[in-house]
Amino acid sequence: MTEEALIQGLKEGDENAFRYLVDNYQDKIFNTALGIVQNAEDAEDVAQDVFIKVYKSIHSFKGDSKLATWMYRIATTRSLDLLRSRKSKKRFGLMQRLFGDGNEQLFEIPDFHHPGIALDQKENAAKLFKAIAQLPENQKTAFTLHKLEDLSYQEVSDAMETSVSAVESLLHRAKQNLRKILEKDEEGQK
């Protein structure tokens, strides 16, 4: 099905078009969300939100970009909103622990495994994803879209609504920061 036919079918409320959309994009959208939120349940929720948003908002899709780019933008925005919400709750929890009687650990990244990583590489992948989680949001998003979802610089810039040179800069800084984080982690294990 061509993109034009898919969009037209979605605008007409065609169930087959929506089924085609979900079948062809659900793994990509899920993996994008998973790369950002690093929790399978949250990534499923984000992916579901993306498809609901597409279904409800397809009439507002202007066609300035590919449908997939629009969906990646929605997935990225929803994922980052979820992370911001978590950080806000953590800040509130920290305040409660500072002034209350709780003594649980502030933040621990759960064991994380991306479905695209081979079993023998899971330990290194877990370290990488823990490091990715420490990146600033914009670097994490650019890195996830480019390195994990294999989007081009142009597609990443479209999804993030920024320039290609800004994406190149974000990726460069993300790589530098990841290197520092991983080296620090390696030194800490010696």
N, C-alpha and C. Protein backbone atom coordinates (compact mmCIF):
# COMPACT_ATOMS: atom_id res chain seq x y z
N MET A 1 0.86 -1.17 0.00
CA MET A 1 0.00 0.00 0.00
C MET A 1 0.91 1.24 0.00
N THR A 2 0.63 2.17 -0.87
CA THR A 2 1.41 3.40 -0.93
C THR A 2 1.06 4.28 0.28
N GLU A 3 1.96 5.20 0.57
CA GLU A 3 1.71 6.09 1.70
C GLU A 3 0.48 6.94 1.46
N GLU A 4 0.31 7.41 0.23
CA GLU A 4 -0.86 8.23 -0.10
C GLU A 4 -2.15 7.45 0.12
N ALA A 5 -2.17 6.18 -0.34
CA ALA A 5 -3.36 5.35 -0.17
C ALA A 5 -3.61 5.06 1.31
N LEU A 6 -2.54 4.85 2.06
CA LEU A 6 -2.67 4.60 3.49
C LEU A 6 -3.26 5.81 4.20
N ILE A 7 -2.74 6.98 3.90
CA ILE A 7 -3.24 8.21 4.52
C ILE A 7 -4.70 8.44 4.16
N GLN A 8 -5.02 8.25 2.89
CA GLN A 8 -6.40 8.43 2.44
C GLN A 8 -7.33 7.44 3.15
N GLY A 9 -6.89 6.19 3.26
CA GLY A 9 -7.68 5.18 3.95
C GLY A 9 -7.88 5.52 5.42
N LEU A 10 -6.84 6.02 6.05
CA LEU A 10 -6.95 6.42 7.45
C LEU A 10 -7.92 7.58 7.60
N LYS A 11 -7.85 8.54 6.68
CA LYS A 11 -8.75 9.69 6.76
C LYS A 11 -10.21 9.28 6.55
N GLU A 12 -10.40 8.20 5.77
CA GLU A 12 -11.76 7.70 5.52
C GLU A 12 -12.23 6.74 6.61
N GLY A 13 -11.37 6.46 7.59
CA GLY A 13 -11.74 5.57 8.68
C GLY A 13 -11.70 4.10 8.30
N ASP A 14 -10.95 3.74 7.27
CA ASP A 14 -10.85 2.36 6.80
C ASP A 14 -10.09 1.51 7.81
N GLU A 15 -10.76 0.48 8.34
CA GLU A 15 -10.14 -0.39 9.34
C GLU A 15 -8.93 -1.12 8.78
N ASN A 16 -8.98 -1.52 7.52
CA ASN A 16 -7.85 -2.22 6.90
C ASN A 16 -6.61 -1.31 6.83
N ALA A 17 -6.83 -0.04 6.56
CA ALA A 17 -5.71 0.90 6.52
C ALA A 17 -5.10 1.04 7.91
N PHE A 18 -5.95 1.14 8.94
CA PHE A 18 -5.43 1.26 10.30
C PHE A 18 -4.70 -0.02 10.70
N ARG A 19 -5.24 -1.17 10.35
CA ARG A 19 -4.59 -2.45 10.66
C ARG A 19 -3.23 -2.52 9.97
N TYR A 20 -3.18 -2.07 8.71
CA TYR A 20 -1.92 -2.04 7.96
C TYR A 20 -0.91 -1.13 8.66
N LEU A 21 -1.37 0.03 9.10
CA LEU A 21 -0.51 0.98 9.81
C LEU A 21 0.09 0.34 11.06
N VAL A 22 -0.76 -0.27 11.86
CA VAL A 22 -0.30 -0.89 13.10
C VAL A 22 0.65 -2.04 12.80
N ASP A 23 0.28 -2.91 11.87
CA ASP A 23 1.12 -4.07 11.54
C ASP A 23 2.51 -3.65 11.06
N ASN A 24 2.59 -2.56 10.31
CA ASN A 24 3.86 -2.16 9.71
C ASN A 24 4.69 -1.21 10.56
N TYR A 25 4.09 -0.58 11.56
CA TYR A 25 4.83 0.41 12.34
C TYR A 25 4.90 0.11 13.83
N GLN A 26 4.16 -0.86 14.32
CA GLN A 26 4.11 -1.05 15.78
C GLN A 26 5.48 -1.39 16.37
N ASP A 27 6.26 -2.23 15.72
CA ASP A 27 7.57 -2.58 16.27
C ASP A 27 8.51 -1.38 16.26
N LYS A 28 8.48 -0.60 15.19
CA LYS A 28 9.36 0.57 15.10
C LYS A 28 9.01 1.61 16.16
N ILE A 29 7.73 1.85 16.32
CA ILE A 29 7.28 2.85 17.31
C ILE A 29 7.57 2.34 18.72
N PHE A 30 7.30 1.07 18.97
CA PHE A 30 7.59 0.48 20.28
C PHE A 30 9.08 0.58 20.59
N ASN A 31 9.93 0.21 19.64
CA ASN A 31 11.37 0.24 19.87
C ASN A 31 11.89 1.66 20.09
N THR A 32 11.31 2.63 19.38
CA THR A 32 11.69 4.02 19.58
C THR A 32 11.36 4.45 21.01
N ALA A 33 10.14 4.15 21.43
CA ALA A 33 9.73 4.50 22.79
C ALA A 33 10.58 3.75 23.81
N LEU A 34 10.85 2.49 23.57
CA LEU A 34 11.64 1.68 24.49
C LEU A 34 13.05 2.24 24.62
N GLY A 35 13.61 2.69 23.53
CA GLY A 35 14.94 3.28 23.58
C GLY A 35 14.99 4.53 24.43
N ILE A 36 13.88 5.23 24.53
CA ILE A 36 13.84 6.48 25.32
C ILE A 36 13.41 6.22 26.76
N VAL A 37 12.29 5.50 26.95
CA VAL A 37 11.77 5.31 28.31
C VAL A 37 12.40 4.13 29.03
N GLN A 38 12.95 3.19 28.28
CA GLN A 38 13.68 2.02 28.81
C GLN A 38 12.86 1.19 29.78
N ASN A 39 11.59 1.03 29.46
CA ASN A 39 10.70 0.19 30.23
C ASN A 39 9.65 -0.34 29.25
N ALA A 40 9.54 -1.67 29.14
CA ALA A 40 8.68 -2.28 28.14
C ALA A 40 7.21 -1.89 28.31
N GLU A 41 6.72 -1.89 29.54
CA GLU A 41 5.31 -1.54 29.76
C GLU A 41 5.04 -0.09 29.37
N ASP A 42 5.93 0.80 29.76
CA ASP A 42 5.77 2.20 29.40
C ASP A 42 5.86 2.39 27.89
N ALA A 43 6.77 1.65 27.25
CA ALA A 43 6.91 1.75 25.79
C ALA A 43 5.65 1.26 25.09
N GLU A 44 5.02 0.20 25.63
CA GLU A 44 3.76 -0.27 25.06
C GLU A 44 2.68 0.80 25.19
N ASP A 45 2.62 1.45 26.35
CA ASP A 45 1.65 2.52 26.55
C ASP A 45 1.88 3.67 25.58
N VAL A 46 3.15 4.04 25.41
CA VAL A 46 3.48 5.13 24.48
C VAL A 46 3.08 4.73 23.07
N ALA A 47 3.42 3.52 22.65
CA ALA A 47 3.08 3.07 21.29
C ALA A 47 1.56 3.10 21.08
N GLN A 48 0.82 2.64 22.08
CA GLN A 48 -0.63 2.66 21.97
C GLN A 48 -1.13 4.11 21.85
N ASP A 49 -0.56 5.00 22.64
CA ASP A 49 -0.93 6.42 22.55
C ASP A 49 -0.66 6.99 21.16
N VAL A 50 0.47 6.57 20.58
CA VAL A 50 0.82 7.06 19.24
C VAL A 50 -0.24 6.66 18.23
N PHE A 51 -0.65 5.40 18.24
CA PHE A 51 -1.63 4.94 17.26
C PHE A 51 -3.01 5.57 17.50
N ILE A 52 -3.35 5.80 18.75
CA ILE A 52 -4.61 6.49 19.05
C ILE A 52 -4.55 7.93 18.54
N LYS A 53 -3.41 8.59 18.77
CA LYS A 53 -3.23 9.97 18.30
C LYS A 53 -3.30 10.03 16.77
N VAL A 54 -2.66 9.08 16.09
CA VAL A 54 -2.71 9.05 14.63
C VAL A 54 -4.15 8.86 14.17
N TYR A 55 -4.85 7.94 14.79
CA TYR A 55 -6.24 7.66 14.41
C TYR A 55 -7.12 8.89 14.59
N LYS A 56 -6.95 9.57 15.72
CA LYS A 56 -7.79 10.73 16.02
C LYS A 56 -7.37 11.99 15.25
N SER A 57 -6.07 12.09 14.92
CA SER A 57 -5.55 13.34 14.36
C SER A 57 -5.11 13.25 12.90
N ILE A 58 -5.43 12.18 12.23
CA ILE A 58 -4.94 12.01 10.85
C ILE A 58 -5.43 13.14 9.95
N HIS A 59 -6.57 13.71 10.27
CA HIS A 59 -7.09 14.82 9.45
C HIS A 59 -6.24 16.07 9.58
N SER A 60 -5.49 16.19 10.66
CA SER A 60 -4.62 17.36 10.83
C SER A 60 -3.22 17.11 10.25
N PHE A 61 -2.95 15.90 9.77
CA PHE A 61 -1.65 15.60 9.16
C PHE A 61 -1.56 16.35 7.84
N LYS A 62 -0.56 17.24 7.75
CA LYS A 62 -0.45 18.12 6.58
C LYS A 62 0.32 17.49 5.44
N GLY A 63 1.09 16.45 5.71
CA GLY A 63 1.88 15.83 4.66
C GLY A 63 3.19 16.55 4.40
N ASP A 64 3.61 17.43 5.33
CA ASP A 64 4.89 18.13 5.17
C ASP A 64 6.06 17.18 5.33
N SER A 65 5.82 16.05 5.98
CA SER A 65 6.85 15.03 6.17
C SER A 65 6.21 13.67 5.89
N LYS A 66 7.00 12.63 5.97
CA LYS A 66 6.46 11.28 5.82
C LYS A 66 5.57 10.98 7.01
N LEU A 67 4.62 10.09 6.81
CA LEU A 67 3.75 9.66 7.90
C LEU A 67 4.59 9.05 9.02
N ALA A 68 5.59 8.26 8.67
CA ALA A 68 6.45 7.63 9.68
C ALA A 68 7.17 8.69 10.51
N THR A 69 7.63 9.74 9.87
CA THR A 69 8.33 10.81 10.59
C THR A 69 7.39 11.47 11.59
N TRP A 70 6.17 11.69 11.18
CA TRP A 70 5.16 12.28 12.07
C TRP A 70 4.92 11.35 13.27
N MET A 71 4.86 10.05 13.00
CA MET A 71 4.64 9.09 14.08
C MET A 71 5.84 9.03 15.03
N TYR A 72 7.06 9.09 14.48
CA TYR A 72 8.25 9.14 15.33
C TYR A 72 8.24 10.39 16.21
N ARG A 73 7.80 11.50 15.65
CA ARG A 73 7.73 12.75 16.42
C ARG A 73 6.75 12.59 17.58
N ILE A 74 5.60 11.98 17.30
CA ILE A 74 4.61 11.76 18.35
C ILE A 74 5.18 10.82 19.41
N ALA A 75 5.83 9.73 18.97
CA ALA A 75 6.41 8.76 19.91
C ALA A 75 7.48 9.41 20.78
N THR A 76 8.31 10.23 20.17
CA THR A 76 9.37 10.92 20.91
C THR A 76 8.77 11.88 21.93
N THR A 77 7.80 12.66 21.51
CA THR A 77 7.16 13.61 22.40
C THR A 77 6.49 12.91 23.57
N ARG A 78 5.74 11.85 23.28
CA ARG A 78 5.04 11.10 24.35
C ARG A 78 6.04 10.47 25.31
N SER A 79 7.13 9.93 24.77
CA SER A 79 8.16 9.30 25.61
C SER A 79 8.81 10.32 26.52
N LEU A 80 9.16 11.46 25.96
CA LEU A 80 9.80 12.51 26.77
C LEU A 80 8.84 13.07 27.81
N ASP A 81 7.56 13.19 27.45
CA ASP A 81 6.56 13.63 28.43
C ASP A 81 6.48 12.66 29.60
N LEU A 82 6.55 11.36 29.29
CA LEU A 82 6.51 10.34 30.33
C LEU A 82 7.73 10.46 31.25
N LEU A 83 8.90 10.66 30.65
CA LEU A 83 10.11 10.82 31.46
C LEU A 83 10.03 12.07 32.33
N ARG A 84 9.53 13.16 31.77
CA ARG A 84 9.39 14.39 32.56
C ARG A 84 8.45 14.17 33.74
N SER A 85 7.38 13.45 33.47
CA SER A 85 6.41 13.15 34.52
C SER A 85 7.07 12.32 35.62
N ARG A 86 7.88 11.33 35.23
CA ARG A 86 8.60 10.52 36.21
C ARG A 86 9.55 11.36 37.04
N LYS A 87 10.29 12.26 36.37
CA LYS A 87 11.25 13.10 37.08
C LYS A 87 10.53 13.99 38.09
N SER A 88 9.38 14.49 37.70
CA SER A 88 8.60 15.32 38.60
C SER A 88 8.18 14.52 39.83
N LYS A 89 7.75 13.29 39.61
CA LYS A 89 7.34 12.44 40.72
C LYS A 89 8.54 12.10 41.59
N LYS A 90 9.71 11.89 40.97
CA LYS A 90 10.92 11.59 41.73
C LYS A 90 11.31 12.76 42.61
N ARG A 91 11.20 13.98 42.06
CA ARG A 91 11.53 15.16 42.84
C ARG A 91 10.63 15.24 44.07
N PHE A 92 9.35 14.97 43.85
CA PHE A 92 8.40 14.98 44.96
C PHE A 92 8.77 13.90 45.97
N GLY A 93 9.15 12.72 45.46
CA GLY A 93 9.56 11.62 46.34
C GLY A 93 10.81 11.96 47.12
N LEU A 94 11.76 12.65 46.47
CA LEU A 94 12.98 13.07 47.16
C LEU A 94 12.64 14.02 48.30
N MET A 95 11.75 14.94 48.03
CA MET A 95 11.35 15.88 49.07
C MET A 95 10.70 15.13 50.24
N GLN A 96 9.89 14.13 49.92
CA GLN A 96 9.26 13.35 50.98
C GLN A 96 10.31 12.62 51.80
N ARG A 97 11.33 12.06 51.13
CA ARG A 97 12.37 11.33 51.85
C ARG A 97 13.25 12.28 52.65
N LEU A 98 13.48 13.48 52.14
CA LEU A 98 14.28 14.44 52.89
C LEU A 98 13.57 14.89 54.16
N PHE A 99 12.27 15.07 54.03
CA PHE A 99 11.52 15.62 55.15
C PHE A 99 10.60 14.60 55.80
N GLY A 100 10.56 13.40 55.23
CA GLY A 100 9.67 12.37 55.78
C GLY A 100 10.47 11.25 56.41
N ASP A 101 9.85 10.06 56.47
CA ASP A 101 10.51 8.95 57.13
C ASP A 101 10.93 7.84 56.17
N GLY A 102 10.73 8.03 54.87
CA GLY A 102 11.12 7.00 53.90
C GLY A 102 12.62 6.92 53.75
N ASN A 103 13.12 5.73 53.41
CA ASN A 103 14.56 5.60 53.20
C ASN A 103 14.89 4.71 52.00
N GLU A 104 13.97 4.59 51.06
CA GLU A 104 14.27 3.76 49.89
C GLU A 104 15.23 4.48 48.95
N GLN A 105 15.83 3.71 48.06
CA GLN A 105 16.82 4.27 47.14
C GLN A 105 16.13 5.24 46.18
N LEU A 106 16.81 6.34 45.87
CA LEU A 106 16.23 7.38 45.03
C LEU A 106 15.94 6.89 43.62
N PHE A 107 16.90 6.28 42.96
CA PHE A 107 16.69 5.90 41.57
C PHE A 107 17.61 4.75 41.21
N GLU A 108 17.03 3.72 40.69
CA GLU A 108 17.83 2.61 40.21
C GLU A 108 17.28 2.21 38.86
N ILE A 109 18.13 2.16 37.88
CA ILE A 109 17.68 1.76 36.55
C ILE A 109 17.44 0.27 36.57
N PRO A 110 16.27 -0.19 36.12
CA PRO A 110 15.97 -1.61 36.15
C PRO A 110 16.83 -2.37 35.13
N ASP A 111 16.89 -3.68 35.30
CA ASP A 111 17.54 -4.48 34.27
C ASP A 111 16.80 -4.22 32.99
N PHE A 112 17.55 -3.88 31.96
CA PHE A 112 16.93 -3.45 30.73
C PHE A 112 17.48 -4.24 29.56
N HIS A 113 16.59 -4.71 28.72
CA HIS A 113 17.01 -5.47 27.54
C HIS A 113 16.17 -5.04 26.35
N HIS A 114 16.81 -4.53 25.35
CA HIS A 114 16.15 -4.12 24.11
C HIS A 114 15.96 -5.36 23.25
N PRO A 115 14.79 -5.54 22.60
CA PRO A 115 14.54 -6.77 21.84
C PRO A 115 15.47 -6.97 20.66
N GLY A 116 16.13 -5.93 20.19
CA GLY A 116 16.99 -6.07 19.03
C GLY A 116 18.41 -6.48 19.37
N ILE A 117 18.71 -6.76 20.62
CA ILE A 117 20.08 -7.06 21.05
C ILE A 117 20.23 -8.57 21.24
N ALA A 118 21.29 -9.15 20.66
CA ALA A 118 21.55 -10.57 20.78
C ALA A 118 21.85 -10.93 22.23
N LEU A 119 21.53 -12.17 22.59
CA LEU A 119 21.71 -12.62 23.97
C LEU A 119 23.13 -12.45 24.49
N ASP A 120 24.11 -12.76 23.66
CA ASP A 120 25.50 -12.69 24.12
C ASP A 120 25.97 -11.25 24.32
N GLN A 121 25.20 -10.28 23.87
CA GLN A 121 25.59 -8.88 24.01
C GLN A 121 24.75 -8.15 25.04
N LYS A 122 23.90 -8.87 25.76
CA LYS A 122 22.96 -8.21 26.67
C LYS A 122 23.66 -7.46 27.80
N GLU A 123 24.74 -8.00 28.33
CA GLU A 123 25.43 -7.32 29.43
C GLU A 123 25.97 -5.98 28.97
N ASN A 124 26.65 -5.97 27.82
CA ASN A 124 27.16 -4.71 27.29
C ASN A 124 26.03 -3.77 26.91
N ALA A 125 24.96 -4.33 26.35
CA ALA A 125 23.81 -3.51 25.97
C ALA A 125 23.18 -2.88 27.20
N ALA A 126 23.08 -3.63 28.29
CA ALA A 126 22.50 -3.08 29.52
C ALA A 126 23.33 -1.90 30.02
N LYS A 127 24.66 -2.02 29.95
CA LYS A 127 25.53 -0.91 30.35
C LYS A 127 25.30 0.29 29.45
N LEU A 128 25.19 0.02 28.15
CA LEU A 128 24.97 1.11 27.19
C LEU A 128 23.65 1.81 27.46
N PHE A 129 22.58 1.03 27.67
CA PHE A 129 21.28 1.65 27.90
C PHE A 129 21.23 2.41 29.22
N LYS A 130 21.96 1.93 30.21
CA LYS A 130 22.04 2.68 31.47
C LYS A 130 22.75 4.01 31.22
N ALA A 131 23.77 3.98 30.37
CA ALA A 131 24.49 5.22 30.04
C ALA A 131 23.60 6.14 29.21
N ILE A 132 22.86 5.59 28.27
CA ILE A 132 21.95 6.40 27.43
C ILE A 132 20.92 7.10 28.32
N ALA A 133 20.45 6.40 29.34
CA ALA A 133 19.45 6.98 30.25
C ALA A 133 19.97 8.22 30.96
N GLN A 134 21.30 8.35 31.08
CA GLN A 134 21.89 9.49 31.78
C GLN A 134 22.11 10.70 30.87
N LEU A 135 21.89 10.52 29.56
CA LEU A 135 22.08 11.63 28.63
C LEU A 135 20.96 12.66 28.78
N PRO A 136 21.24 13.92 28.42
CA PRO A 136 20.16 14.92 28.35
C PRO A 136 19.11 14.45 27.33
N GLU A 137 17.87 14.87 27.53
CA GLU A 137 16.76 14.40 26.69
C GLU A 137 17.02 14.52 25.19
N ASN A 138 17.50 15.69 24.75
CA ASN A 138 17.65 15.88 23.31
C ASN A 138 18.75 14.98 22.74
N GLN A 139 19.81 14.74 23.49
CA GLN A 139 20.86 13.84 23.04
C GLN A 139 20.35 12.39 23.02
N LYS A 140 19.61 12.03 24.06
CA LYS A 140 19.05 10.68 24.14
C LYS A 140 18.10 10.42 22.96
N THR A 141 17.28 11.40 22.64
CA THR A 141 16.33 11.25 21.55
C THR A 141 17.06 11.11 20.22
N ALA A 142 18.00 11.99 19.95
CA ALA A 142 18.75 11.93 18.69
C ALA A 142 19.50 10.61 18.57
N PHE A 143 20.14 10.19 19.64
CA PHE A 143 20.91 8.94 19.62
C PHE A 143 19.99 7.75 19.38
N THR A 144 18.86 7.71 20.07
CA THR A 144 17.91 6.60 19.93
C THR A 144 17.38 6.52 18.51
N LEU A 145 16.94 7.65 17.97
CA LEU A 145 16.37 7.64 16.62
C LEU A 145 17.41 7.27 15.57
N HIS A 146 18.63 7.78 15.71
CA HIS A 146 19.65 7.52 14.69
C HIS A 146 20.31 6.15 14.86
N LYS A 147 20.79 5.86 16.04
CA LYS A 147 21.57 4.64 16.25
C LYS A 147 20.71 3.40 16.47
N LEU A 148 19.61 3.52 17.17
CA LEU A 148 18.80 2.35 17.47
C LEU A 148 17.72 2.12 16.43
N GLU A 149 17.15 3.19 15.89
CA GLU A 149 16.09 3.05 14.89
C GLU A 149 16.60 3.25 13.47
N ASP A 150 17.88 3.58 13.34
CA ASP A 150 18.54 3.69 12.04
C ASP A 150 17.91 4.75 11.13
N LEU A 151 17.43 5.83 11.71
CA LEU A 151 16.91 6.93 10.90
C LEU A 151 18.08 7.79 10.41
N SER A 152 17.91 8.37 9.25
CA SER A 152 18.94 9.27 8.71
C SER A 152 18.95 10.57 9.52
N TYR A 153 20.02 11.35 9.34
CA TYR A 153 20.08 12.65 10.02
C TYR A 153 18.87 13.50 9.66
N GLN A 154 18.48 13.47 8.39
CA GLN A 154 17.33 14.26 7.95
C GLN A 154 16.05 13.79 8.63
N GLU A 155 15.86 12.48 8.72
CA GLU A 155 14.66 11.96 9.37
C GLU A 155 14.65 12.30 10.87
N VAL A 156 15.81 12.24 11.49
CA VAL A 156 15.89 12.61 12.91
C VAL A 156 15.58 14.10 13.07
N SER A 157 16.13 14.92 12.18
CA SER A 157 15.86 16.36 12.28
C SER A 157 14.38 16.66 12.07
N ASP A 158 13.74 15.94 11.16
CA ASP A 158 12.30 16.12 10.95
C ASP A 158 11.52 15.69 12.19
N ALA A 159 11.88 14.55 12.76
CA ALA A 159 11.16 14.04 13.93
C ALA A 159 11.35 14.95 15.14
N MET A 160 12.54 15.53 15.26
CA MET A 160 12.83 16.40 16.41
C MET A 160 12.54 17.87 16.12
N GLU A 161 12.14 18.16 14.89
CA GLU A 161 11.84 19.52 14.47
C GLU A 161 13.02 20.45 14.71
N THR A 162 14.18 20.03 14.21
CA THR A 162 15.40 20.82 14.33
C THR A 162 16.21 20.66 13.04
N SER A 163 17.34 21.30 12.96
CA SER A 163 18.15 21.23 11.74
C SER A 163 19.04 20.00 11.74
N VAL A 164 19.51 19.63 10.57
CA VAL A 164 20.43 18.50 10.43
C VAL A 164 21.72 18.79 11.19
N SER A 165 22.21 20.02 11.11
CA SER A 165 23.45 20.36 11.83
C SER A 165 23.25 20.25 13.34
N ALA A 166 22.07 20.58 13.82
CA ALA A 166 21.79 20.43 15.26
C ALA A 166 21.80 18.95 15.64
N VAL A 167 21.26 18.11 14.77
CA VAL A 167 21.26 16.66 15.02
C VAL A 167 22.70 16.14 15.05
N GLU A 168 23.51 16.58 14.09
CA GLU A 168 24.92 16.16 14.06
C GLU A 168 25.61 16.56 15.36
N SER A 169 25.35 17.77 15.83
CA SER A 169 25.94 18.25 17.07
C SER A 169 25.45 17.44 18.27
N LEU A 170 24.15 17.16 18.31
CA LEU A 170 23.59 16.36 19.40
C LEU A 170 24.21 14.96 19.44
N LEU A 171 24.35 14.36 18.28
CA LEU A 171 24.94 13.02 18.21
C LEU A 171 26.40 13.03 18.63
N HIS A 172 27.12 14.05 18.22
CA HIS A 172 28.53 14.17 18.60
C HIS A 172 28.66 14.29 20.13
N ARG A 173 27.84 15.17 20.71
CA ARG A 173 27.89 15.35 22.16
C ARG A 173 27.41 14.09 22.89
N ALA A 174 26.40 13.42 22.32
CA ALA A 174 25.91 12.18 22.94
C ALA A 174 27.01 11.13 22.97
N LYS A 175 27.75 10.99 21.88
CA LYS A 175 28.84 10.01 21.83
C LYS A 175 29.92 10.37 22.84
N GLN A 176 30.27 11.64 22.93
CA GLN A 176 31.28 12.08 23.91
C GLN A 176 30.82 11.78 25.33
N ASN A 177 29.57 12.12 25.62
CA ASN A 177 29.04 11.89 26.95
C ASN A 177 28.94 10.40 27.28
N LEU A 178 28.53 9.61 26.30
CA LEU A 178 28.45 8.16 26.52
C LEU A 178 29.83 7.59 26.81
N ARG A 179 30.82 8.05 26.06
CA ARG A 179 32.19 7.58 26.28
C ARG A 179 32.63 7.90 27.71
N LYS A 180 32.37 9.13 28.17
CA LYS A 180 32.75 9.53 29.53
C LYS A 180 32.01 8.69 30.57
N ILE A 181 30.72 8.50 30.37
CA ILE A 181 29.91 7.74 31.33
C ILE A 181 30.40 6.30 31.41
N LEU A 182 30.64 5.70 30.25
CA LEU A 182 31.07 4.30 30.22
C LEU A 182 32.48 4.13 30.80
N GLU A 183 33.37 5.09 30.51
CA GLU A 183 34.72 5.03 31.08
C GLU A 183 34.67 5.18 32.60
N LYS A 184 33.84 6.08 33.09
CA LYS A 184 33.68 6.28 34.53
C LYS A 184 33.13 5.02 35.17
N ASP A 185 32.15 4.40 34.52
CA ASP A 185 31.56 3.16 35.02
C ASP A 185 32.59 2.04 35.05
N GLU A 186 33.41 1.97 34.02
CA GLU A 186 34.47 0.95 33.93
C GLU A 186 35.50 1.15 35.03
N GLU A 187 35.88 2.40 35.29
CA GLU A 187 36.83 2.69 36.36
C GLU A 187 36.27 2.34 37.72
N GLY A 188 34.98 2.56 37.88
CA GLY A 188 34.32 2.27 39.16
C GLY A 188 34.25 0.79 39.45
N GLN A 189 34.34 -0.06 38.42
CA GLN A 189 34.26 -1.50 38.61
C GLN A 189 35.63 -2.11 38.91
N LYS A 190 36.69 -1.35 38.76
CA LYS A 190 38.04 -1.89 39.00
C LYS A 190 38.38 -1.91 40.46
